[in-house]
Amino acid sequence: MGKKVSMARYEAAVEGYEGYCAACKKWSAECCEPDARGYECPRCEQPKVYGAEEAMMMGLVEVM
């Protein structure tokens, strides 16, 4: 089960090109395409950032 987020938060992440890090469980404000995979996280430096749409499809985030 992924991190639960509101529809408004999810839409803001998609429109703002934010990525979600599967390692540190945080949104990044870096430029990240919605279907990105394996980008480096600016916080934990792990290559586990996924675009908002990709993170939802993978079950990393759950839109409520």
C-alpha atoms as a PDB file:
ATOM      1  CA  MET A   1       0.000   0.000   0.000  1.00  0.00           C
ATOM      2  CA  GLY A   2       1.371   3.395  -1.016  1.00  0.00           C
ATOM      3  CA  LYS A   3       1.343   6.812   0.551  1.00  0.00           C
ATOM      4  CA  LYS A   4      -2.191   8.236   0.569  1.00  0.00           C
ATOM      5  CA  VAL A   5      -2.570  11.634  -1.079  1.00  0.00           C
ATOM      6  CA  SER A   6      -5.559  13.786  -1.988  1.00  0.00           C
ATOM      7  CA  MET A   7      -6.597  14.255  -5.595  1.00  0.00           C
ATOM      8  CA  ALA A   8      -5.610  17.921  -5.329  1.00  0.00           C
ATOM      9  CA  ARG A   9      -2.102  16.994  -4.097  1.00  0.00           C
ATOM     10  CA  TYR A  10      -1.695  14.405  -6.846  1.00  0.00           C
ATOM     11  CA  GLU A  11      -2.799  16.855  -9.547  1.00  0.00           C
ATOM     12  CA  ALA A  12      -0.414  19.494  -8.164  1.00  0.00           C
ATOM     13  CA  ALA A  13       2.436  16.958  -8.359  1.00  0.00           C
ATOM     14  CA  VAL A  14       1.607  16.077 -11.977  1.00  0.00           C
ATOM     15  CA  GLU A  15       1.257  19.720 -13.050  1.00  0.00           C
ATOM     16  CA  GLY A  16       4.363  20.762 -11.108  1.00  0.00           C
ATOM     17  CA  TYR A  17       6.478  17.937 -12.558  1.00  0.00           C
ATOM     18  CA  GLU A  18       7.244  16.574  -9.112  1.00  0.00           C
ATOM     19  CA  GLY A  19       8.651  13.132  -8.531  1.00  0.00           C
ATOM     20  CA  TYR A  20       8.059  10.745  -5.652  1.00  0.00           C
ATOM     21  CA  CYS A  21      10.994   8.965  -4.040  1.00  0.00           C
ATOM     22  CA  ALA A  22      10.351   5.320  -3.148  1.00  0.00           C
ATOM     23  CA  ALA A  23      13.342   5.363  -0.777  1.00  0.00           C
ATOM     24  CA  CYS A  24      12.680   8.403   1.426  1.00  0.00           C
ATOM     25  CA  LYS A  25       8.914   8.609   0.735  1.00  0.00           C
ATOM     26  CA  LYS A  26       9.004  12.333  -0.122  1.00  0.00           C
ATOM     27  CA  TRP A  27       7.904  14.447  -3.082  1.00  0.00           C
ATOM     28  CA  SER A  28      10.704  16.297  -4.817  1.00  0.00           C
ATOM     29  CA  ALA A  29      10.281  19.687  -6.423  1.00  0.00           C
ATOM     30  CA  GLU A  30      12.743  18.828  -9.178  1.00  0.00           C
ATOM     31  CA  CYS A  31      11.725  18.726 -12.829  1.00  0.00           C
ATOM     32  CA  CYS A  32      10.430  15.208 -13.282  1.00  0.00           C
ATOM     33  CA  GLU A  33       8.317  13.981 -16.180  1.00  0.00           C
ATOM     34  CA  PRO A  34       5.064  12.298 -15.020  1.00  0.00           C
ATOM     35  CA  ASP A  35       6.238   8.920 -16.420  1.00  0.00           C
ATOM     36  CA  ALA A  36       9.827   9.159 -15.126  1.00  0.00           C
ATOM     37  CA  ARG A  37      11.579   6.146 -13.595  1.00  0.00           C
ATOM     38  CA  GLY A  38      14.783   5.896 -11.615  1.00  0.00           C
ATOM     39  CA  TYR A  39      15.678   9.564 -11.304  1.00  0.00           C
ATOM     40  CA  GLU A  40      18.111  10.478  -8.529  1.00  0.00           C
ATOM     41  CA  CYS A  41      16.493  11.914  -5.400  1.00  0.00           C
ATOM     42  CA  PRO A  42      17.859  15.340  -4.406  1.00  0.00           C
ATOM     43  CA  ARG A  43      17.332  14.456  -0.724  1.00  0.00           C
ATOM     44  CA  CYS A  44      18.620  10.907  -0.280  1.00  0.00           C
ATOM     45  CA  GLU A  45      20.552  10.653  -3.581  1.00  0.00           C
ATOM     46  CA  GLN A  46      19.072   7.235  -4.389  1.00  0.00           C
ATOM     47  CA  PRO A  47      17.915   6.521  -7.975  1.00  0.00           C
ATOM     48  CA  LYS A  48      14.369   5.826  -6.805  1.00  0.00           C
ATOM     49  CA  VAL A  49      12.357   8.848  -7.955  1.00  0.00           C
ATOM     50  CA  TYR A  50       9.314   8.199 -10.111  1.00  0.00           C
ATOM     51  CA  GLY A  51       7.080  10.714 -11.835  1.00  0.00           C
ATOM     52  CA  ALA A  52       3.711  11.303 -10.178  1.00  0.00           C
ATOM     53  CA  GLU A  53       1.750   9.259 -12.728  1.00  0.00           C
ATOM     54  CA  GLU A  54       4.275   6.430 -12.687  1.00  0.00           C
ATOM     55  CA  ALA A  55       4.320   6.388  -8.868  1.00  0.00           C
ATOM     56  CA  MET A  56       0.513   6.052  -8.839  1.00  0.00           C
ATOM     57  CA  MET A  57       0.532   3.223 -11.401  1.00  0.00           C
ATOM     58  CA  MET A  58       3.223   1.401  -9.415  1.00  0.00           C
ATOM     59  CA  GLY A  59       1.216   1.722  -6.188  1.00  0.00           C
ATOM     60  CA  LEU A  60       3.763   3.986  -4.480  1.00  0.00           C
ATOM     61  CA  VAL A  61       1.089   6.643  -3.979  1.00  0.00           C
ATOM     62  CA  GLU A  62      -2.625   6.092  -3.570  1.00  0.00           C
ATOM     63  CA  VAL A  63      -5.007   8.876  -4.621  1.00  0.00           C
ATOM     64  CA  MET A  64      -7.907   9.262  -2.235  1.00  0.00           C
END
